[in-house]
N, C-alpha and C. Protein backbone atom coordinates (compact mmCIF):
# COMPACT_ATOMS: atom_id res chain seq x y z
N MET A 1 -13.75 10.21 15.22
CA MET A 1 -12.68 9.57 16.29
C MET A 1 -11.52 10.81 16.48
N ASN A 2 -11.22 10.94 17.55
CA ASN A 2 -10.40 12.00 18.08
C ASN A 2 -8.78 11.45 18.27
N ASP A 3 -9.42 10.04 18.86
CA ASP A 3 -8.06 9.51 19.23
C ASP A 3 -7.72 8.57 18.67
N ALA A 4 -6.73 8.65 17.51
CA ALA A 4 -6.67 7.72 16.22
C ALA A 4 -5.91 6.93 16.97
N TRP A 5 -5.16 6.74 17.98
CA TRP A 5 -4.18 5.76 18.18
C TRP A 5 -5.54 4.31 18.82
N GLN A 6 -6.42 4.59 19.07
CA GLN A 6 -7.42 3.69 18.89
C GLN A 6 -7.92 2.43 18.01
N ILE A 7 -7.31 3.23 17.09
CA ILE A 7 -7.45 2.15 16.01
C ILE A 7 -5.84 1.24 15.83
N TYR A 8 -4.97 1.82 16.75
CA TYR A 8 -3.43 0.64 16.48
C TYR A 8 -4.13 -0.73 16.70
N PRO A 9 -4.74 -0.81 17.81
CA PRO A 9 -4.91 -2.59 18.44
C PRO A 9 -5.41 -2.98 17.23
N ILE A 10 -6.83 -2.69 16.52
CA ILE A 10 -7.05 -3.67 15.33
C ILE A 10 -6.01 -3.74 14.53
N GLY A 11 -5.29 -2.91 13.99
CA GLY A 11 -4.25 -2.95 12.95
C GLY A 11 -3.27 -3.90 13.43
N VAL A 12 -2.91 -3.92 14.82
CA VAL A 12 -1.81 -4.86 14.99
C VAL A 12 -2.24 -6.28 14.79
N LEU A 13 -3.56 -5.94 15.10
CA LEU A 13 -4.47 -7.54 15.14
C LEU A 13 -4.98 -7.92 13.45
N PHE A 14 -4.65 -7.20 12.70
CA PHE A 14 -5.22 -7.61 11.50
C PHE A 14 -3.40 -7.89 10.78
N GLY A 15 -2.49 -6.93 11.55
CA GLY A 15 -1.07 -7.27 10.79
C GLY A 15 -0.32 -8.62 11.12
N LEU A 16 -1.30 -9.01 12.21
CA LEU A 16 -0.63 -10.01 12.73
C LEU A 16 -0.99 -11.34 11.56
N GLY A 17 -2.12 -11.17 10.82
CA GLY A 17 -2.36 -12.03 9.38
C GLY A 17 -3.24 -13.38 10.14
N PHE A 18 -4.27 -13.50 11.11
CA PHE A 18 -4.85 -14.47 11.92
C PHE A 18 -5.13 -15.53 10.87
N ASP A 19 -5.50 -15.01 9.35
CA ASP A 19 -5.86 -16.09 8.42
C ASP A 19 -4.72 -16.35 7.41
N THR A 20 -4.39 -15.54 6.76
CA THR A 20 -3.32 -16.09 5.43
C THR A 20 -1.76 -16.47 6.44
N ALA A 21 -1.67 -15.70 7.25
CA ALA A 21 0.05 -16.01 7.31
C ALA A 21 -0.09 -17.72 8.25
N THR A 22 -1.14 -17.76 9.32
CA THR A 22 -1.31 -18.40 9.91
C THR A 22 -1.27 -20.11 9.13
N GLU A 23 -2.39 -19.96 8.12
CA GLU A 23 -2.53 -20.82 7.04
C GLU A 23 -1.24 -21.33 6.27
N VAL A 24 -0.61 -20.30 5.90
CA VAL A 24 0.79 -20.51 5.37
C VAL A 24 1.82 -21.52 6.48
N ALA A 25 1.85 -21.13 7.64
CA ALA A 25 2.56 -21.40 8.44
C ALA A 25 2.11 -22.95 8.88
N LEU A 26 0.75 -23.09 9.07
CA LEU A 26 0.57 -24.51 9.03
C LEU A 26 0.43 -25.62 7.91
N ILE A 27 0.22 -25.19 6.98
CA ILE A 27 0.81 -25.81 5.66
C ILE A 27 2.25 -26.24 5.76
N ALA A 28 2.96 -25.52 6.15
CA ALA A 28 4.52 -25.80 5.93
C ALA A 28 4.79 -26.16 6.96
N ILE A 29 4.34 -26.43 8.37
CA ILE A 29 4.53 -27.24 9.01
C ILE A 29 4.26 -28.89 9.04
N SER A 30 3.07 -28.98 8.54
CA SER A 30 2.19 -29.99 7.95
C SER A 30 3.50 -30.64 6.93
N VAL A 31 3.98 -30.27 5.88
CA VAL A 31 4.60 -30.58 4.83
C VAL A 31 5.92 -31.25 5.65
N GLY A 32 6.17 -30.54 6.52
CA GLY A 32 7.34 -30.81 7.24
C GLY A 32 7.80 -32.23 8.08
N VAL A 33 6.26 -32.33 8.65
CA VAL A 33 6.17 -33.19 9.51
C VAL A 33 5.64 -34.52 8.49
N GLY A 34 4.78 -34.30 7.61
CA GLY A 34 4.40 -35.13 6.35
C GLY A 34 5.34 -35.67 5.80
N VAL A 35 6.49 -34.78 5.43
CA VAL A 35 7.69 -35.92 4.33
C VAL A 35 8.49 -36.01 5.28
N SER A 36 8.75 -35.79 6.65
CA SER A 36 9.60 -36.71 7.73
C SER A 36 10.99 -36.50 7.13
N SER A 37 11.39 -35.45 6.23
CA SER A 37 12.80 -35.60 6.11
C SER A 37 13.78 -34.50 6.84
N ALA A 38 14.89 -34.71 6.70
CA ALA A 38 15.97 -34.00 7.40
C ALA A 38 15.91 -32.51 7.58
N VAL A 39 14.77 -31.86 6.96
CA VAL A 39 14.66 -30.45 7.42
C VAL A 39 14.56 -30.00 8.42
N PRO A 40 14.82 -29.23 9.02
CA PRO A 40 14.47 -28.48 10.24
C PRO A 40 13.45 -27.93 10.30
N LEU A 41 12.79 -27.84 11.50
CA LEU A 41 11.67 -26.79 11.09
C LEU A 41 11.91 -24.96 10.99
N TRP A 42 13.15 -24.72 11.92
CA TRP A 42 13.32 -23.57 11.48
C TRP A 42 13.27 -23.09 9.80
N GLN A 43 13.74 -24.12 9.26
CA GLN A 43 13.90 -23.81 7.40
C GLN A 43 12.70 -23.58 7.08
N ILE A 44 11.78 -24.69 7.65
CA ILE A 44 10.33 -24.56 7.25
C ILE A 44 9.51 -23.34 7.39
N LEU A 45 9.84 -22.56 8.76
CA LEU A 45 9.29 -21.60 9.23
C LEU A 45 9.64 -20.26 8.19
N VAL A 46 11.06 -20.68 7.52
CA VAL A 46 11.31 -19.44 6.68
C VAL A 46 9.92 -18.79 5.23
N LEU A 47 9.10 -20.18 5.22
CA LEU A 47 8.63 -19.73 4.16
C LEU A 47 7.17 -18.72 4.82
N PRO A 48 6.82 -18.87 5.76
CA PRO A 48 5.46 -17.78 6.55
C PRO A 48 6.46 -16.62 6.90
N LEU A 49 7.41 -16.14 7.21
CA LEU A 49 8.24 -15.20 7.34
C LEU A 49 8.35 -14.31 5.77
N LEU A 50 9.14 -15.12 5.18
CA LEU A 50 9.19 -14.44 3.81
C LEU A 50 7.42 -13.71 3.22
N PHE A 51 6.52 -15.03 3.25
CA PHE A 51 5.33 -14.23 2.97
C PHE A 51 4.81 -13.41 3.97
N THR A 52 5.07 -13.11 5.08
CA THR A 52 4.85 -11.61 5.75
C THR A 52 5.36 -10.79 5.46
N CYS A 53 6.83 -10.27 5.10
CA CYS A 53 7.86 -9.49 4.39
C CYS A 53 7.02 -9.45 3.17
N GLY A 54 6.66 -10.15 2.73
CA GLY A 54 5.75 -9.54 1.12
C GLY A 54 4.45 -8.79 1.25
N MET A 55 3.90 -9.24 2.42
CA MET A 55 2.99 -8.72 2.58
C MET A 55 2.87 -7.33 3.49
N VAL A 56 4.21 -7.20 4.15
CA VAL A 56 4.31 -5.67 4.83
C VAL A 56 4.72 -5.33 3.68
N LEU A 57 5.42 -5.22 2.74
CA LEU A 57 5.99 -4.80 1.48
C LEU A 57 4.82 -4.12 0.57
N THR A 58 4.13 -4.90 0.05
CA THR A 58 2.81 -4.78 -0.84
C THR A 58 1.71 -3.83 0.48
N ASP A 59 1.61 -4.18 1.37
CA ASP A 59 0.34 -3.11 1.94
C ASP A 59 1.35 -1.98 2.60
N THR A 60 2.71 -1.90 2.22
CA THR A 60 3.27 -0.44 2.92
C THR A 60 2.98 0.41 1.57
N THR A 61 3.19 -0.62 0.37
CA THR A 61 3.23 0.33 -0.68
C THR A 61 1.64 0.74 -1.25
N ASP A 62 1.14 0.04 -1.02
CA ASP A 62 -0.64 0.44 -1.09
C ASP A 62 -1.06 1.64 -0.42
N GLY A 63 -0.49 1.32 0.77
CA GLY A 63 -0.99 2.54 1.32
C GLY A 63 -0.60 3.73 1.34
N VAL A 64 1.11 4.17 0.84
CA VAL A 64 1.72 5.19 0.41
C VAL A 64 1.26 5.42 -0.59
N THR A 65 0.35 4.84 -1.57
CA THR A 65 -0.08 5.13 -2.97
C THR A 65 -1.05 5.91 -2.74
N MET A 66 -1.85 5.22 -1.92
CA MET A 66 -3.42 5.62 -1.58
C MET A 66 -3.49 6.88 -0.71
N ARG A 67 -2.40 6.72 0.09
CA ARG A 67 -2.06 8.37 0.65
C ARG A 67 -2.00 9.41 -0.03
N LEU A 68 -1.10 9.16 -0.75
CA LEU A 68 -0.67 10.38 -2.09
C LEU A 68 -2.11 10.52 -3.02
N ALA A 69 -2.77 9.50 -3.21
CA ALA A 69 -4.28 9.56 -4.21
C ALA A 69 -5.25 10.68 -3.25
N TYR A 70 -5.66 10.18 -2.17
CA TYR A 70 -6.50 10.33 -1.67
C TYR A 70 -5.85 11.85 -1.17
N GLY A 71 -4.59 12.45 -0.91
CA GLY A 71 -4.18 13.80 -0.46
C GLY A 71 -4.53 14.20 -1.54
N TRP A 72 -4.22 14.04 -3.06
CA TRP A 72 -4.74 14.96 -4.01
C TRP A 72 -6.14 15.05 -3.81
N ALA A 73 -6.69 14.13 -3.56
CA ALA A 73 -8.08 14.34 -4.07
C ALA A 73 -8.78 14.90 -2.88
N PHE A 74 -8.54 15.03 -1.94
CA PHE A 74 -9.31 15.95 -0.66
C PHE A 74 -9.09 17.24 -0.62
N LEU A 75 -7.87 17.62 -1.30
CA LEU A 75 -7.65 18.94 -1.65
C LEU A 75 -8.78 20.24 -1.33
N THR A 76 -10.01 19.94 -1.98
CA THR A 76 -10.78 20.49 -2.64
C THR A 76 -12.11 19.74 -2.35
N PRO A 77 -13.27 20.07 -2.41
CA PRO A 77 -14.27 19.24 -2.38
C PRO A 77 -14.81 18.56 -3.71
N LEU A 78 -14.29 19.52 -4.72
CA LEU A 78 -14.78 19.36 -6.26
C LEU A 78 -13.75 18.07 -6.52
N LYS A 79 -12.15 18.04 -6.62
CA LYS A 79 -11.57 16.84 -6.45
C LYS A 79 -12.24 15.57 -5.83
N LYS A 80 -12.64 15.81 -4.78
CA LYS A 80 -12.84 14.53 -3.69
C LYS A 80 -14.13 13.52 -4.80
N ILE A 81 -15.31 14.50 -5.34
CA ILE A 81 -16.14 14.00 -6.09
C ILE A 81 -15.35 13.61 -7.34
N TYR A 82 -14.61 14.28 -8.19
CA TYR A 82 -14.14 13.57 -9.48
C TYR A 82 -13.46 12.59 -9.16
N TYR A 83 -12.58 12.27 -7.77
CA TYR A 83 -11.62 10.88 -7.88
C TYR A 83 -12.15 9.89 -7.40
N ASN A 84 -13.66 10.12 -6.70
CA ASN A 84 -14.40 9.26 -6.20
C ASN A 84 -15.08 8.45 -7.68
N LEU A 85 -15.32 9.53 -8.36
CA LEU A 85 -16.26 8.85 -9.27
C LEU A 85 -15.44 8.29 -10.35
N THR A 86 -14.31 8.80 -10.43
CA THR A 86 -13.35 7.66 -11.31
C THR A 86 -13.21 6.41 -11.25
N VAL A 87 -12.73 6.40 -9.53
CA VAL A 87 -12.14 5.14 -8.83
C VAL A 87 -13.22 4.22 -8.82
N THR A 88 -14.33 4.85 -8.16
CA THR A 88 -15.61 3.94 -8.26
C THR A 88 -16.00 3.16 -9.61
N VAL A 89 -15.76 4.09 -10.36
CA VAL A 89 -16.22 3.37 -11.79
C VAL A 89 -15.15 2.44 -12.29
N MET A 90 -14.07 2.67 -12.35
CA MET A 90 -13.11 1.42 -12.71
C MET A 90 -13.35 0.58 -11.67
N SER A 91 -13.71 0.57 -10.33
CA SER A 91 -13.84 -0.57 -9.37
C SER A 91 -14.88 -1.77 -10.10
N VAL A 92 -15.73 -0.60 -10.34
CA VAL A 92 -17.05 -1.60 -10.74
C VAL A 92 -16.72 -2.16 -12.10
N LEU A 93 -15.83 -1.88 -12.95
CA LEU A 93 -15.72 -2.41 -14.32
C LEU A 93 -14.68 -3.67 -13.90
N VAL A 94 -13.79 -3.33 -13.24
CA VAL A 94 -12.64 -4.36 -12.94
C VAL A 94 -13.33 -5.42 -12.00
N ALA A 95 -13.98 -5.23 -11.00
CA ALA A 95 -15.04 -6.29 -10.56
C ALA A 95 -15.73 -7.33 -11.54
N PHE A 96 -16.50 -6.11 -12.30
CA PHE A 96 -17.73 -7.11 -13.11
C PHE A 96 -16.71 -8.35 -14.36
N ALA A 97 -15.48 -7.55 -14.45
CA ALA A 97 -14.84 -8.10 -15.48
C ALA A 97 -14.14 -9.28 -14.86
N ILE A 98 -13.61 -9.21 -13.47
CA ILE A 98 -13.36 -10.55 -12.92
C ILE A 98 -14.66 -11.68 -12.61
N GLY A 99 -15.31 -11.14 -12.33
CA GLY A 99 -16.80 -11.92 -11.60
C GLY A 99 -17.35 -12.59 -13.07
N GLY A 100 -17.13 -12.04 -14.10
CA GLY A 100 -17.72 -12.56 -15.53
C GLY A 100 -16.47 -13.43 -15.86
N ILE A 101 -15.52 -13.32 -15.64
CA ILE A 101 -14.46 -14.26 -16.26
C ILE A 101 -14.90 -15.49 -15.14
N GLU A 102 -14.70 -15.12 -13.84
CA GLU A 102 -14.60 -16.70 -12.98
C GLU A 102 -16.43 -17.34 -13.16
N LEU A 103 -16.85 -16.38 -13.78
CA LEU A 103 -18.59 -17.34 -13.82
C LEU A 103 -18.01 -17.86 -15.40
N ALA A 104 -17.73 -17.38 -16.11
CA ALA A 104 -17.51 -18.19 -17.33
C ALA A 104 -16.72 -19.51 -17.31
N GLN A 105 -15.64 -19.40 -16.57
CA GLN A 105 -14.78 -20.85 -16.15
C GLN A 105 -15.87 -21.34 -15.34
N VAL A 106 -16.15 -21.32 -14.59
CA VAL A 106 -17.43 -22.21 -13.75
C VAL A 106 -18.25 -22.86 -15.09
N LEU A 107 -19.10 -21.88 -15.63
CA LEU A 107 -19.85 -22.48 -16.78
C LEU A 107 -19.33 -23.49 -17.53
N GLY A 108 -17.77 -22.99 -18.20
CA GLY A 108 -17.11 -23.83 -19.06
C GLY A 108 -16.73 -25.30 -18.37
N VAL A 109 -16.17 -25.38 -17.27
CA VAL A 109 -16.25 -26.58 -16.27
C VAL A 109 -17.31 -27.50 -16.44
N GLU A 110 -18.54 -26.75 -15.97
CA GLU A 110 -19.52 -27.60 -15.94
C GLU A 110 -20.48 -27.85 -16.92
N LEU A 111 -20.41 -27.23 -18.03
CA LEU A 111 -20.82 -28.01 -18.94
C LEU A 111 -19.76 -28.11 -20.05
N ASN A 112 -18.72 -28.73 -19.31
CA ASN A 112 -17.69 -29.47 -20.39
C ASN A 112 -17.55 -28.59 -22.00
N LEU A 113 -17.08 -27.30 -21.75
CA LEU A 113 -16.59 -26.61 -22.85
C LEU A 113 -15.44 -26.91 -22.82
N SER A 114 -14.88 -27.00 -24.40
CA SER A 114 -13.11 -27.12 -24.25
C SER A 114 -12.95 -26.61 -25.73
N SER A 115 -13.41 -26.03 -26.24
CA SER A 115 -13.07 -25.68 -27.58
C SER A 115 -12.20 -24.12 -27.50
N GLY A 116 -11.79 -23.59 -28.40
CA GLY A 116 -10.64 -22.68 -28.22
C GLY A 116 -11.09 -21.51 -27.12
N PHE A 117 -12.02 -20.76 -27.42
CA PHE A 117 -12.13 -19.47 -26.37
C PHE A 117 -12.06 -20.42 -25.02
N TRP A 118 -12.86 -21.20 -24.69
CA TRP A 118 -12.81 -21.68 -23.24
C TRP A 118 -11.59 -22.73 -22.93
N SER A 119 -10.98 -22.84 -24.01
CA SER A 119 -9.98 -23.49 -23.40
C SER A 119 -8.66 -22.46 -22.93
N TRP A 120 -8.69 -21.33 -23.59
CA TRP A 120 -7.74 -19.60 -23.40
C TRP A 120 -8.48 -19.61 -21.85
N LEU A 121 -9.41 -19.69 -22.21
CA LEU A 121 -10.34 -18.80 -20.36
C LEU A 121 -10.04 -20.03 -19.30
N GLU A 122 -9.87 -21.03 -19.80
CA GLU A 122 -9.65 -22.15 -18.71
C GLU A 122 -8.25 -21.86 -18.01
N ASN A 123 -7.01 -21.64 -19.25
CA ASN A 123 -5.80 -21.55 -18.90
C ASN A 123 -5.31 -19.62 -18.52
N LEU A 124 -6.44 -19.26 -18.57
CA LEU A 124 -5.93 -17.86 -17.74
C LEU A 124 -5.09 -17.72 -16.84
N ASP A 125 -3.96 -16.89 -16.68
CA ASP A 125 -2.96 -16.70 -16.21
C ASP A 125 -3.80 -15.36 -14.75
N PHE A 126 -3.94 -15.61 -13.72
CA PHE A 126 -4.34 -14.59 -12.91
C PHE A 126 -3.52 -13.92 -12.11
N GLU A 127 -2.05 -14.42 -12.26
CA GLU A 127 -0.90 -13.37 -11.67
C GLU A 127 -0.47 -12.35 -12.86
N THR A 128 -0.65 -12.87 -13.90
CA THR A 128 -0.62 -11.43 -15.21
C THR A 128 -1.94 -10.68 -15.14
N MET A 129 -2.93 -11.17 -14.59
CA MET A 129 -4.56 -10.07 -14.85
C MET A 129 -3.83 -9.47 -13.80
N GLY A 130 -3.60 -9.57 -12.40
CA GLY A 130 -3.51 -8.88 -11.39
C GLY A 130 -2.80 -7.46 -11.85
N PHE A 131 -1.30 -7.97 -12.50
CA PHE A 131 -0.56 -6.85 -12.96
C PHE A 131 -0.84 -5.87 -14.17
N ALA A 132 -2.03 -6.52 -14.84
CA ALA A 132 -2.71 -5.87 -15.65
C ALA A 132 -3.56 -4.89 -15.13
N ILE A 133 -4.31 -5.40 -14.05
CA ILE A 133 -5.08 -4.20 -13.33
C ILE A 133 -4.54 -3.41 -12.39
N VAL A 134 -3.48 -3.41 -11.59
CA VAL A 134 -2.85 -2.39 -11.33
C VAL A 134 -2.52 -1.23 -12.27
N ALA A 135 -2.08 -1.75 -13.69
CA ALA A 135 -1.74 -0.93 -14.58
C ALA A 135 -2.68 -0.49 -15.24
N ILE A 136 -4.11 -0.66 -14.89
CA ILE A 136 -5.26 -0.20 -15.33
C ILE A 136 -5.56 0.82 -14.74
N PHE A 137 -5.42 0.29 -13.20
CA PHE A 137 -5.52 1.78 -12.14
C PHE A 137 -4.66 3.00 -12.26
N VAL A 138 -3.15 2.29 -12.60
CA VAL A 138 -2.60 3.31 -12.35
C VAL A 138 -2.80 4.11 -13.71
N LEU A 139 -2.98 4.10 -15.28
CA LEU A 139 -3.69 4.36 -16.15
C LEU A 139 -4.73 5.32 -15.92
N THR A 140 -5.49 4.81 -15.16
CA THR A 140 -6.78 5.59 -15.21
C THR A 140 -6.89 6.95 -13.88
N TRP A 141 -5.68 6.87 -12.90
CA TRP A 141 -5.41 7.53 -12.25
C TRP A 141 -4.79 8.76 -12.75
N ALA A 142 -3.85 8.33 -13.82
CA ALA A 142 -3.27 9.10 -14.81
C ALA A 142 -3.75 10.04 -15.69
N SER A 143 -4.79 9.30 -16.20
CA SER A 143 -5.54 9.95 -17.43
C SER A 143 -6.67 10.93 -16.35
N ALA A 144 -7.54 10.42 -15.03
CA ALA A 144 -7.96 11.21 -14.85
C ALA A 144 -7.33 12.54 -14.18
N TYR A 145 -6.41 12.52 -13.59
CA TYR A 145 -5.63 13.76 -13.64
C TYR A 145 -5.20 14.37 -14.88
N GLY A 146 -4.76 13.81 -16.11
CA GLY A 146 -4.58 14.74 -17.18
C GLY A 146 -6.05 15.23 -17.33
N VAL A 147 -7.13 14.35 -17.38
CA VAL A 147 -8.28 15.36 -18.23
C VAL A 147 -8.69 16.34 -17.16
N TRP A 148 -8.55 15.97 -15.64
CA TRP A 148 -8.86 17.34 -14.69
C TRP A 148 -8.18 18.53 -15.19
N ARG A 149 -6.67 18.23 -15.52
CA ARG A 149 -5.68 19.48 -15.93
C ARG A 149 -5.65 19.85 -17.12
N TYR A 150 -6.39 19.30 -18.37
CA TYR A 150 -6.57 19.39 -19.14
C TYR A 150 -7.81 20.22 -19.68
N LYS A 151 -9.13 19.81 -19.18
CA LYS A 151 -10.64 20.53 -18.82
C LYS A 151 -10.81 21.58 -17.98
N LYS A 152 -9.34 21.65 -16.64
CA LYS A 152 -9.68 22.80 -15.83
C LYS A 152 -10.70 22.77 -15.16
N TYR A 153 -11.07 21.69 -14.83
CA TYR A 153 -12.19 21.40 -13.90
C TYR A 153 -12.09 22.26 -12.20
N ASP A 154 -11.01 22.60 -12.13
CA ASP A 154 -11.08 23.54 -11.04
C ASP A 154 -10.85 25.05 -11.22
N GLN A 155 -11.06 25.53 -12.29
CA GLN A 155 -11.48 26.56 -12.85
C GLN A 155 -12.97 27.04 -13.26
N ASN A 156 -13.32 25.31 -13.30
CA ASN A 156 -15.04 25.19 -14.16
C ASN A 156 -15.72 24.64 -13.45
N PRO A 157 -16.08 24.67 -11.99
CA PRO A 157 -16.98 23.78 -11.41
C PRO A 157 -17.93 23.14 -12.01
N SER A 158 -18.79 23.93 -12.73
CA SER A 158 -20.11 23.86 -13.61
C SER A 158 -19.71 22.32 -14.35
N ALA A 159 -18.45 22.30 -14.84
CA ALA A 159 -18.15 20.91 -16.20
C ALA A 159 -18.05 19.69 -15.46
N ILE A 160 -18.18 19.72 -13.81
CA ILE A 160 -17.53 18.48 -13.05
C ILE A 160 -19.05 17.95 -12.76
N ILE A 161 -19.90 19.34 -12.26
CA ILE A 161 -21.33 19.02 -12.13
C ILE A 161 -22.09 18.69 -13.10
N ARG A 162 -21.90 18.89 -14.34
CA ARG A 162 -22.44 18.29 -15.48
C ARG A 162 -22.30 16.60 -15.82
N LEU A 163 -20.53 16.38 -15.23
CA LEU A 163 -20.03 15.06 -15.71
C LEU A 163 -21.15 14.15 -14.67
N VAL A 164 -21.12 14.97 -13.39
CA VAL A 164 -21.29 14.19 -12.47
C VAL A 164 -23.16 13.89 -12.73
N GLU A 165 -23.58 14.55 -12.87
CA GLU A 165 -25.19 14.58 -13.65
C GLU A 165 -25.71 13.62 -14.69
N GLY A 166 -24.72 13.92 -15.77
CA GLY A 166 -24.72 12.89 -16.88
C GLY A 166 -25.49 14.34 -17.78
N PRO A 167 -25.97 13.89 -19.19
CA PRO A 167 -26.38 15.03 -20.06
C PRO A 167 -27.71 15.47 -19.86
């Protein structure tokens, strides 16, 4: 696509957050009307505004970080393969871990399991787990970069080809 500006309207629609921000706004308005207190509507609408500001900050940070990561990776085709391999493997492992935890939680509830492990699993804090996942990705990227530099893959392309093809 030579005219990158054409994607701008889609970004605007995505930025408006038809789903999440609208849901927060409707919940806030419903609570305000349902409680029938003396809280003005504009004070209730601060919640969606704060949520939107948080999403903008988070998405901007994510975009800048990914731009830097992909900028490094796309300098050479070899780096691109190495980077994609590293990120894909880590993403799959994290997805399976989260899916496994979710499945185990559902099984624990459905089978009425409440012993030590199942109790711990039921009370697992997903916010802390989210921070741990971000830390895992940062450590993975840093480790992959360190291995790239240590093994000198840019000077020895056959080593990365052996890595991709396997033993």
